Amino acid sequence: VYKAVYAIVHALHDLLFCAKEKGTTVLCGDVSRIEPWQVTKHLKRVNFVNRFGEAVYFDENGDPPAAYDIINWQLNKGVVSHVTVGHFDTSPDGGSQLVIDEDSIVWSTGREVPAGVCSESCPPGTRRAARKGQPICCFDCIPCADGTIANTTGAAECINCPQDYWSNDGKDS
């Protein structure tokens, strides 16, 4: 709300005031004759930094920049704290930045990243097969077909053997 109010104020200021010499501004628009389309036109060109150091502008679609804090809910002595462990920001040039302080994250297992809860990695000689209606981390391990192999752990696909070659019994070479 704060950013929205200041964006409108900046748009109205640009619409109503003209810059004169020596840094002075003079009212050159008619306050009683402002049309919504005029405010919208000036709102699209708004670009300023607010008192919190945040850039306020809109992209070609009229969207503000994405800016998100990454929050970790941490339980400490029965009290849940919301700890900022990172942030995601976009910039006017179309780039983006994700920063995460991994040392600040507390998992349900403490400081150690928990293992996946659905499926373990598929062994060599097998490939992953998604389970319909379940998260992407849930899959079955399917043996490679004759003439194909998977020589790595966690293979998504089996690869064809070269012509005149056949896969071994384990389908891993």
N, C-alpha and C. Protein backbone atom coordinates (compact mmCIF):
# COMPACT_ATOMS: atom_id res chain seq x y z
N VAL A 1 0.84 -1.19 0.00
CA VAL A 1 0.00 0.00 0.00
C VAL A 1 0.88 1.24 0.00
N TYR A 2 1.94 1.20 0.82
CA TYR A 2 2.86 2.34 0.89
C TYR A 2 3.44 2.65 -0.49
N LYS A 3 3.92 1.61 -1.19
CA LYS A 3 4.51 1.81 -2.52
C LYS A 3 3.47 2.32 -3.51
N ALA A 4 2.25 1.80 -3.43
CA ALA A 4 1.18 2.21 -4.35
C ALA A 4 0.85 3.69 -4.17
N VAL A 5 0.73 4.13 -2.93
CA VAL A 5 0.40 5.53 -2.66
C VAL A 5 1.50 6.44 -3.20
N TYR A 6 2.75 6.09 -2.92
CA TYR A 6 3.85 6.93 -3.39
C TYR A 6 4.00 6.89 -4.92
N ALA A 7 3.67 5.76 -5.55
CA ALA A 7 3.72 5.69 -7.01
C ALA A 7 2.70 6.65 -7.61
N ILE A 8 1.48 6.67 -7.05
CA ILE A 8 0.44 7.60 -7.52
C ILE A 8 0.88 9.04 -7.29
N VAL A 9 1.46 9.32 -6.14
CA VAL A 9 1.93 10.68 -5.83
C VAL A 9 2.99 11.12 -6.84
N HIS A 10 3.93 10.25 -7.15
CA HIS A 10 4.96 10.59 -8.14
C HIS A 10 4.35 10.81 -9.51
N ALA A 11 3.38 9.98 -9.90
CA ALA A 11 2.71 10.15 -11.19
C ALA A 11 1.97 11.49 -11.25
N LEU A 12 1.24 11.81 -10.19
CA LEU A 12 0.52 13.09 -10.15
C LEU A 12 1.48 14.28 -10.18
N HIS A 13 2.58 14.16 -9.46
CA HIS A 13 3.58 15.23 -9.46
C HIS A 13 4.13 15.45 -10.87
N ASP A 14 4.47 14.37 -11.56
CA ASP A 14 4.99 14.50 -12.92
C ASP A 14 3.94 15.08 -13.87
N LEU A 15 2.67 14.75 -13.63
CA LEU A 15 1.59 15.25 -14.47
C LEU A 15 1.33 16.74 -14.25
N LEU A 16 1.41 17.19 -13.02
CA LEU A 16 0.98 18.55 -12.69
C LEU A 16 2.09 19.59 -12.65
N PHE A 17 3.34 19.17 -12.45
CA PHE A 17 4.39 20.16 -12.27
C PHE A 17 5.37 20.15 -13.43
N CYS A 18 5.89 21.34 -13.76
CA CYS A 18 6.89 21.49 -14.81
C CYS A 18 8.19 21.96 -14.15
N ALA A 19 9.30 21.47 -14.65
CA ALA A 19 10.60 21.89 -14.13
C ALA A 19 10.99 23.21 -14.78
N LYS A 20 11.45 24.12 -13.98
CA LYS A 20 11.95 25.41 -14.47
C LYS A 20 13.44 25.48 -14.17
N GLU A 21 14.04 26.59 -14.50
CA GLU A 21 15.47 26.77 -14.27
C GLU A 21 15.80 26.73 -12.78
N LYS A 22 17.06 26.40 -12.49
CA LYS A 22 17.61 26.41 -11.13
C LYS A 22 16.86 25.47 -10.18
N GLY A 23 16.35 24.34 -10.68
CA GLY A 23 15.77 23.32 -9.83
C GLY A 23 14.41 23.63 -9.25
N THR A 24 13.72 24.67 -9.72
CA THR A 24 12.40 24.98 -9.20
C THR A 24 11.34 24.30 -10.04
N THR A 25 10.21 24.02 -9.42
CA THR A 25 9.08 23.45 -10.15
C THR A 25 7.89 24.38 -10.02
N VAL A 26 7.08 24.40 -11.07
CA VAL A 26 5.93 25.28 -11.12
C VAL A 26 4.71 24.45 -11.52
N LEU A 27 3.56 24.72 -10.89
CA LEU A 27 2.33 24.04 -11.25
C LEU A 27 1.96 24.45 -12.66
N CYS A 28 1.87 23.47 -13.57
CA CYS A 28 1.53 23.80 -14.94
C CYS A 28 0.35 22.99 -15.44
N GLY A 29 -0.20 22.11 -14.61
CA GLY A 29 -1.40 21.34 -14.98
C GLY A 29 -2.59 21.84 -14.19
N ASP A 30 -3.78 21.48 -14.64
CA ASP A 30 -5.01 21.89 -13.99
C ASP A 30 -5.51 20.74 -13.13
N VAL A 31 -5.45 20.89 -11.81
CA VAL A 31 -5.82 19.85 -10.87
C VAL A 31 -7.27 19.41 -11.06
N SER A 32 -8.14 20.32 -11.43
CA SER A 32 -9.56 19.99 -11.58
C SER A 32 -9.88 19.27 -12.88
N ARG A 33 -8.91 19.14 -13.79
CA ARG A 33 -9.16 18.51 -15.09
C ARG A 33 -8.30 17.25 -15.32
N ILE A 34 -7.92 16.60 -14.26
CA ILE A 34 -7.11 15.38 -14.39
C ILE A 34 -8.00 14.22 -14.85
N GLU A 35 -7.54 13.52 -15.88
CA GLU A 35 -8.24 12.34 -16.39
C GLU A 35 -7.48 11.08 -15.98
N PRO A 36 -8.19 10.00 -15.71
CA PRO A 36 -7.52 8.75 -15.31
C PRO A 36 -6.44 8.29 -16.29
N TRP A 37 -6.68 8.41 -17.60
CA TRP A 37 -5.69 7.97 -18.58
C TRP A 37 -4.39 8.76 -18.46
N GLN A 38 -4.50 10.03 -18.03
CA GLN A 38 -3.29 10.85 -17.87
C GLN A 38 -2.45 10.32 -16.69
N VAL A 39 -3.12 9.97 -15.60
CA VAL A 39 -2.42 9.43 -14.43
C VAL A 39 -1.76 8.10 -14.81
N THR A 40 -2.50 7.26 -15.53
CA THR A 40 -1.98 5.95 -15.94
C THR A 40 -0.73 6.13 -16.80
N LYS A 41 -0.76 7.08 -17.72
CA LYS A 41 0.39 7.35 -18.60
C LYS A 41 1.63 7.70 -17.78
N HIS A 42 1.46 8.54 -16.79
CA HIS A 42 2.60 8.94 -15.95
C HIS A 42 2.98 7.85 -14.95
N LEU A 43 2.01 7.05 -14.52
CA LEU A 43 2.29 5.95 -13.59
C LEU A 43 3.20 4.91 -14.24
N LYS A 44 3.02 4.68 -15.53
CA LYS A 44 3.86 3.70 -16.24
C LYS A 44 5.33 4.10 -16.26
N ARG A 45 5.60 5.41 -16.14
CA ARG A 45 6.98 5.89 -16.20
C ARG A 45 7.60 6.15 -14.83
N VAL A 46 6.86 5.85 -13.77
CA VAL A 46 7.35 6.08 -12.41
C VAL A 46 8.62 5.25 -12.18
N ASN A 47 9.62 5.88 -11.60
CA ASN A 47 10.88 5.18 -11.28
C ASN A 47 11.57 5.99 -10.18
N PHE A 48 11.50 5.48 -8.95
CA PHE A 48 12.13 6.17 -7.83
C PHE A 48 12.55 5.15 -6.78
N VAL A 49 13.34 5.59 -5.82
CA VAL A 49 13.76 4.75 -4.71
C VAL A 49 13.09 5.30 -3.45
N ASN A 50 12.36 4.43 -2.74
CA ASN A 50 11.65 4.89 -1.55
C ASN A 50 12.61 5.01 -0.36
N ARG A 51 12.10 5.41 0.78
CA ARG A 51 12.96 5.65 1.93
C ARG A 51 13.55 4.37 2.53
N PHE A 52 13.06 3.21 2.08
CA PHE A 52 13.61 1.93 2.53
C PHE A 52 14.67 1.41 1.57
N GLY A 53 14.98 2.21 0.54
CA GLY A 53 15.99 1.81 -0.44
C GLY A 53 15.47 0.88 -1.51
N GLU A 54 14.14 0.73 -1.63
CA GLU A 54 13.54 -0.16 -2.61
C GLU A 54 13.21 0.61 -3.89
N ALA A 55 13.58 0.04 -5.04
CA ALA A 55 13.25 0.66 -6.31
C ALA A 55 11.77 0.44 -6.61
N VAL A 56 11.10 1.49 -7.03
CA VAL A 56 9.68 1.41 -7.39
C VAL A 56 9.57 1.79 -8.86
N TYR A 57 9.14 0.83 -9.68
CA TYR A 57 8.96 1.04 -11.11
C TYR A 57 8.04 -0.06 -11.63
N PHE A 58 7.66 0.02 -12.88
CA PHE A 58 6.80 -0.99 -13.50
C PHE A 58 7.42 -1.44 -14.81
N ASP A 59 7.29 -2.74 -15.12
CA ASP A 59 7.84 -3.25 -16.38
C ASP A 59 6.89 -2.96 -17.54
N GLU A 60 7.21 -3.48 -18.71
CA GLU A 60 6.41 -3.20 -19.90
C GLU A 60 4.98 -3.74 -19.79
N ASN A 61 4.75 -4.69 -18.90
CA ASN A 61 3.41 -5.24 -18.68
C ASN A 61 2.67 -4.51 -17.56
N GLY A 62 3.32 -3.54 -16.94
CA GLY A 62 2.70 -2.81 -15.84
C GLY A 62 2.86 -3.49 -14.49
N ASP A 63 3.74 -4.50 -14.44
CA ASP A 63 3.95 -5.23 -13.19
C ASP A 63 5.11 -4.63 -12.40
N PRO A 64 5.00 -4.59 -11.06
CA PRO A 64 6.13 -4.13 -10.25
C PRO A 64 7.19 -5.22 -10.20
N PRO A 65 8.40 -4.87 -9.79
CA PRO A 65 9.45 -5.89 -9.72
C PRO A 65 9.12 -6.93 -8.65
N ALA A 66 9.49 -8.16 -8.91
CA ALA A 66 9.29 -9.22 -7.92
C ALA A 66 10.35 -9.06 -6.84
N ALA A 67 9.95 -9.11 -5.60
CA ALA A 67 10.87 -9.04 -4.48
C ALA A 67 10.28 -9.86 -3.34
N TYR A 68 10.94 -10.95 -3.00
CA TYR A 68 10.43 -11.85 -1.99
C TYR A 68 11.50 -12.17 -0.96
N ASP A 69 11.10 -12.24 0.30
CA ASP A 69 11.98 -12.76 1.33
C ASP A 69 11.76 -14.26 1.43
N ILE A 70 12.82 -15.02 1.64
CA ILE A 70 12.73 -16.46 1.86
C ILE A 70 12.70 -16.65 3.37
N ILE A 71 11.59 -17.18 3.87
CA ILE A 71 11.36 -17.29 5.31
C ILE A 71 11.45 -18.75 5.74
N ASN A 72 12.15 -19.00 6.84
CA ASN A 72 12.27 -20.33 7.43
C ASN A 72 11.55 -20.30 8.78
N TRP A 73 10.55 -21.16 8.94
CA TRP A 73 9.84 -21.26 10.21
C TRP A 73 10.66 -22.14 11.12
N GLN A 74 11.11 -21.57 12.23
CA GLN A 74 11.99 -22.29 13.14
C GLN A 74 11.32 -22.42 14.51
N LEU A 75 11.31 -23.66 15.03
CA LEU A 75 10.72 -23.94 16.34
C LEU A 75 11.84 -23.91 17.37
N ASN A 76 11.72 -23.02 18.36
CA ASN A 76 12.72 -22.88 19.40
C ASN A 76 12.02 -22.81 20.75
N LYS A 77 12.16 -23.84 21.56
CA LYS A 77 11.54 -23.91 22.89
C LYS A 77 10.03 -23.71 22.82
N GLY A 78 9.40 -24.35 21.82
CA GLY A 78 7.95 -24.29 21.68
C GLY A 78 7.42 -23.04 21.02
N VAL A 79 8.30 -22.13 20.60
CA VAL A 79 7.87 -20.89 19.95
C VAL A 79 8.35 -20.90 18.50
N VAL A 80 7.44 -20.60 17.57
CA VAL A 80 7.81 -20.55 16.16
C VAL A 80 8.30 -19.15 15.82
N SER A 81 9.49 -19.07 15.25
CA SER A 81 10.05 -17.80 14.78
C SER A 81 10.11 -17.84 13.26
N HIS A 82 9.84 -16.72 12.64
CA HIS A 82 9.94 -16.60 11.19
C HIS A 82 11.26 -15.89 10.89
N VAL A 83 12.24 -16.65 10.41
CA VAL A 83 13.58 -16.12 10.20
C VAL A 83 13.83 -15.94 8.70
N THR A 84 14.24 -14.75 8.30
CA THR A 84 14.58 -14.49 6.91
C THR A 84 15.93 -15.12 6.62
N VAL A 85 15.94 -16.07 5.67
CA VAL A 85 17.17 -16.79 5.33
C VAL A 85 17.64 -16.49 3.91
N GLY A 86 16.93 -15.61 3.22
CA GLY A 86 17.33 -15.25 1.87
C GLY A 86 16.32 -14.32 1.24
N HIS A 87 16.58 -13.99 -0.04
CA HIS A 87 15.66 -13.13 -0.78
C HIS A 87 15.79 -13.38 -2.28
N PHE A 88 14.73 -13.01 -3.00
CA PHE A 88 14.71 -13.07 -4.45
C PHE A 88 14.31 -11.71 -4.96
N ASP A 89 15.05 -11.17 -5.92
CA ASP A 89 14.76 -9.85 -6.48
C ASP A 89 14.91 -9.89 -7.99
N THR A 90 14.09 -9.09 -8.68
CA THR A 90 14.29 -8.87 -10.11
C THR A 90 14.80 -7.45 -10.29
N SER A 91 15.42 -7.21 -11.43
CA SER A 91 15.97 -5.88 -11.70
C SER A 91 15.35 -5.33 -12.98
N PRO A 92 15.43 -4.01 -13.19
CA PRO A 92 14.81 -3.40 -14.37
C PRO A 92 15.33 -3.96 -15.69
N ASP A 93 16.55 -4.50 -15.71
CA ASP A 93 17.12 -5.03 -16.95
C ASP A 93 16.63 -6.45 -17.26
N GLY A 94 15.72 -6.98 -16.43
CA GLY A 94 15.16 -8.30 -16.68
C GLY A 94 15.88 -9.43 -15.95
N GLY A 95 16.98 -9.11 -15.28
CA GLY A 95 17.72 -10.13 -14.54
C GLY A 95 17.06 -10.43 -13.20
N SER A 96 17.55 -11.46 -12.56
CA SER A 96 17.02 -11.81 -11.24
C SER A 96 18.15 -12.35 -10.37
N GLN A 97 17.93 -12.30 -9.07
CA GLN A 97 18.95 -12.75 -8.13
C GLN A 97 18.28 -13.48 -6.98
N LEU A 98 18.77 -14.69 -6.70
CA LEU A 98 18.31 -15.47 -5.55
C LEU A 98 19.50 -15.64 -4.62
N VAL A 99 19.34 -15.21 -3.38
CA VAL A 99 20.39 -15.32 -2.38
C VAL A 99 19.83 -16.06 -1.17
N ILE A 100 20.49 -17.15 -0.78
CA ILE A 100 20.05 -17.92 0.38
C ILE A 100 21.24 -18.15 1.29
N ASP A 101 21.07 -17.86 2.57
CA ASP A 101 22.09 -18.12 3.58
C ASP A 101 21.80 -19.50 4.17
N GLU A 102 22.40 -20.53 3.58
CA GLU A 102 22.12 -21.91 3.97
C GLU A 102 22.45 -22.18 5.43
N ASP A 103 23.42 -21.47 5.99
CA ASP A 103 23.80 -21.68 7.38
C ASP A 103 22.71 -21.21 8.36
N SER A 104 21.80 -20.37 7.90
CA SER A 104 20.72 -19.87 8.77
C SER A 104 19.50 -20.78 8.78
N ILE A 105 19.44 -21.73 7.86
CA ILE A 105 18.26 -22.60 7.76
C ILE A 105 18.30 -23.67 8.84
N VAL A 106 17.16 -23.86 9.50
CA VAL A 106 17.01 -24.94 10.47
C VAL A 106 15.92 -25.86 9.93
N TRP A 107 16.28 -27.14 9.72
CA TRP A 107 15.36 -28.13 9.20
C TRP A 107 14.71 -28.87 10.37
N SER A 108 13.76 -29.71 10.09
CA SER A 108 13.14 -30.52 11.14
C SER A 108 14.16 -31.48 11.73
N THR A 109 15.25 -31.73 10.98
CA THR A 109 16.32 -32.62 11.44
C THR A 109 17.46 -31.83 12.08
N GLY A 110 17.27 -30.54 12.29
CA GLY A 110 18.33 -29.68 12.82
C GLY A 110 19.02 -28.95 11.69
N ARG A 111 20.34 -29.00 11.66
CA ARG A 111 21.11 -28.32 10.61
C ARG A 111 21.35 -29.20 9.39
N GLU A 112 21.05 -30.49 9.51
CA GLU A 112 21.27 -31.42 8.41
C GLU A 112 20.06 -31.43 7.48
N VAL A 113 20.31 -31.32 6.17
CA VAL A 113 19.23 -31.33 5.19
C VAL A 113 18.57 -32.71 5.21
N PRO A 114 17.25 -32.75 5.36
CA PRO A 114 16.57 -34.06 5.42
C PRO A 114 16.60 -34.76 4.07
N ALA A 115 16.55 -36.09 4.12
CA ALA A 115 16.49 -36.88 2.90
C ALA A 115 15.09 -36.79 2.31
N GLY A 116 14.97 -37.06 1.01
CA GLY A 116 13.66 -37.09 0.37
C GLY A 116 12.77 -38.11 1.05
N VAL A 117 11.49 -37.83 1.13
CA VAL A 117 10.60 -38.69 1.88
C VAL A 117 9.84 -39.69 1.02
N CYS A 118 9.99 -39.64 -0.30
CA CYS A 118 9.16 -40.49 -1.13
C CYS A 118 9.95 -41.64 -1.76
N SER A 119 10.96 -41.34 -2.58
CA SER A 119 11.69 -42.40 -3.29
C SER A 119 13.19 -42.17 -3.20
N GLU A 120 13.91 -43.26 -3.09
CA GLU A 120 15.37 -43.21 -3.14
C GLU A 120 15.81 -43.19 -4.60
N SER A 121 17.05 -42.80 -4.87
CA SER A 121 17.56 -42.79 -6.24
C SER A 121 17.54 -44.19 -6.83
N CYS A 122 17.29 -44.25 -8.12
CA CYS A 122 17.28 -45.54 -8.82
C CYS A 122 18.72 -46.01 -9.03
N PRO A 123 18.98 -47.30 -8.82
CA PRO A 123 20.33 -47.83 -9.02
C PRO A 123 20.66 -47.95 -10.52
N PRO A 124 21.94 -48.09 -10.85
CA PRO A 124 22.31 -48.33 -12.26
C PRO A 124 21.55 -49.54 -12.78
N GLY A 125 21.20 -49.49 -14.08
CA GLY A 125 20.44 -50.57 -14.70
C GLY A 125 18.94 -50.32 -14.66
N THR A 126 18.53 -49.22 -14.02
CA THR A 126 17.11 -48.86 -13.95
C THR A 126 16.94 -47.39 -14.29
N ARG A 127 15.69 -47.01 -14.55
CA ARG A 127 15.35 -45.60 -14.82
C ARG A 127 14.16 -45.20 -13.96
N ARG A 128 14.01 -43.88 -13.79
CA ARG A 128 12.88 -43.35 -13.01
C ARG A 128 11.60 -43.40 -13.84
N ALA A 129 10.49 -43.74 -13.22
CA ALA A 129 9.17 -43.70 -13.84
C ALA A 129 8.23 -42.99 -12.88
N ALA A 130 7.71 -41.84 -13.29
CA ALA A 130 6.84 -41.02 -12.43
C ALA A 130 5.60 -41.80 -12.01
N ARG A 131 5.17 -41.54 -10.79
CA ARG A 131 3.92 -42.11 -10.29
C ARG A 131 2.81 -41.10 -10.55
N LYS A 132 1.81 -41.49 -11.29
CA LYS A 132 0.72 -40.59 -11.66
C LYS A 132 0.04 -40.02 -10.41
N GLY A 133 -0.15 -38.70 -10.42
CA GLY A 133 -0.86 -38.04 -9.33
C GLY A 133 -0.04 -37.81 -8.08
N GLN A 134 1.28 -38.08 -8.15
CA GLN A 134 2.13 -37.87 -6.97
C GLN A 134 3.20 -36.82 -7.30
N PRO A 135 3.83 -36.25 -6.27
CA PRO A 135 4.88 -35.26 -6.51
C PRO A 135 6.02 -35.83 -7.34
N ILE A 136 6.79 -34.95 -7.97
CA ILE A 136 7.89 -35.36 -8.85
C ILE A 136 8.95 -36.18 -8.13
N CYS A 137 9.05 -36.03 -6.82
CA CYS A 137 10.04 -36.80 -6.06
C CYS A 137 9.60 -38.23 -5.80
N CYS A 138 8.39 -38.57 -6.20
CA CYS A 138 7.87 -39.93 -6.02
C CYS A 138 7.89 -40.65 -7.36
N PHE A 139 8.65 -41.74 -7.42
CA PHE A 139 8.78 -42.47 -8.68
C PHE A 139 9.10 -43.92 -8.38
N ASP A 140 8.94 -44.77 -9.40
CA ASP A 140 9.33 -46.17 -9.33
C ASP A 140 10.60 -46.34 -10.15
N CYS A 141 11.38 -47.36 -9.84
CA CYS A 141 12.58 -47.68 -10.61
C CYS A 141 12.26 -48.87 -11.51
N ILE A 142 12.35 -48.66 -12.82
CA ILE A 142 12.00 -49.66 -13.82
C ILE A 142 13.28 -50.20 -14.46
N PRO A 143 13.47 -51.51 -14.55
CA PRO A 143 14.66 -52.06 -15.21
C PRO A 143 14.72 -51.61 -16.67
N CYS A 144 15.92 -51.34 -17.15
CA CYS A 144 16.09 -50.98 -18.56
C CYS A 144 15.72 -52.17 -19.44
N ALA A 145 15.19 -51.88 -20.61
CA ALA A 145 14.82 -52.92 -21.57
C ALA A 145 16.09 -53.52 -22.18
N ASP A 146 15.96 -54.70 -22.78
CA ASP A 146 17.09 -55.32 -23.48
C ASP A 146 17.61 -54.37 -24.55
N GLY A 147 18.92 -54.26 -24.65
CA GLY A 147 19.54 -53.39 -25.63
C GLY A 147 19.70 -51.95 -25.18
N THR A 148 19.33 -51.67 -23.91
CA THR A 148 19.52 -50.33 -23.34
C THR A 148 20.19 -50.47 -21.98
N ILE A 149 20.82 -49.39 -21.54
CA ILE A 149 21.50 -49.39 -20.25
C ILE A 149 21.28 -48.07 -19.52
N ALA A 150 21.52 -48.08 -18.22
CA ALA A 150 21.62 -46.88 -17.40
C ALA A 150 22.83 -47.12 -16.51
N ASN A 151 23.93 -46.42 -16.78
CA ASN A 151 25.17 -46.68 -16.04
C ASN A 151 25.44 -45.65 -14.94
N THR A 152 24.40 -44.90 -14.57
CA THR A 152 24.54 -43.95 -13.47
C THR A 152 23.40 -44.15 -12.49
N THR A 153 23.58 -43.67 -11.28
CA THR A 153 22.52 -43.71 -10.27
C THR A 153 21.54 -42.59 -10.55
N GLY A 154 20.26 -42.87 -10.48
CA GLY A 154 19.23 -41.84 -10.64
C GLY A 154 18.94 -41.47 -12.08
N ALA A 155 19.21 -42.35 -13.04
CA ALA A 155 18.99 -42.04 -14.46
C ALA A 155 17.52 -41.81 -14.75
N ALA A 156 17.25 -40.79 -15.57
CA ALA A 156 15.88 -40.51 -15.98
C ALA A 156 15.48 -41.38 -17.16
N GLU A 157 16.43 -41.76 -17.98
CA GLU A 157 16.17 -42.57 -19.17
C GLU A 157 17.26 -43.61 -19.33
N CYS A 158 16.94 -44.69 -19.98
CA CYS A 158 17.94 -45.68 -20.37
C CYS A 158 18.43 -45.28 -21.76
N ILE A 159 19.71 -45.53 -22.03
CA ILE A 159 20.27 -45.17 -23.34
C ILE A 159 20.46 -46.43 -24.18
N ASN A 160 20.30 -46.26 -25.49
CA ASN A 160 20.45 -47.38 -26.41
C ASN A 160 21.91 -47.80 -26.50
N CYS A 161 22.14 -49.10 -26.58
CA CYS A 161 23.49 -49.63 -26.80
C CYS A 161 23.88 -49.34 -28.25
N PRO A 162 25.18 -49.17 -28.52
CA PRO A 162 25.61 -48.99 -29.91
C PRO A 162 25.22 -50.22 -30.74
N GLN A 163 25.12 -50.01 -32.04
CA GLN A 163 24.78 -51.12 -32.94
C GLN A 163 25.82 -52.24 -32.78
N ASP A 164 25.41 -53.48 -32.86
CA ASP A 164 26.25 -54.67 -32.69
C ASP A 164 26.67 -54.89 -31.23
N TYR A 165 26.04 -54.19 -30.27
CA TYR A 165 26.32 -54.40 -28.85
C TYR A 165 25.02 -54.75 -28.15
N TRP A 166 25.13 -55.40 -26.99
CA TRP A 166 23.96 -55.81 -26.23
C TRP A 166 24.22 -55.50 -24.77
N SER A 167 23.20 -55.17 -24.02
CA SER A 167 23.38 -54.85 -22.60
C SER A 167 23.64 -56.12 -21.79
N ASN A 168 24.38 -55.96 -20.68
CA ASN A 168 24.65 -57.09 -19.79
C ASN A 168 23.39 -57.40 -18.97
N ASP A 169 23.43 -58.42 -18.14
CA ASP A 169 22.28 -58.84 -17.35
C ASP A 169 21.81 -57.73 -16.38
N GLY A 170 22.77 -56.96 -15.85
CA GLY A 170 22.42 -55.87 -14.92
C GLY A 170 21.94 -54.62 -15.61
N LYS A 171 22.02 -54.58 -16.93
CA LYS A 171 21.61 -53.42 -17.76
C LYS A 171 22.34 -52.14 -17.36
N ASP A 172 23.62 -52.30 -16.88
CA ASP A 172 24.39 -51.14 -16.48
C ASP A 172 25.67 -50.97 -17.31
N SER A 173 25.87 -51.85 -18.29
CA SER A 173 27.00 -51.68 -19.21
C SER A 173 26.72 -52.47 -20.48
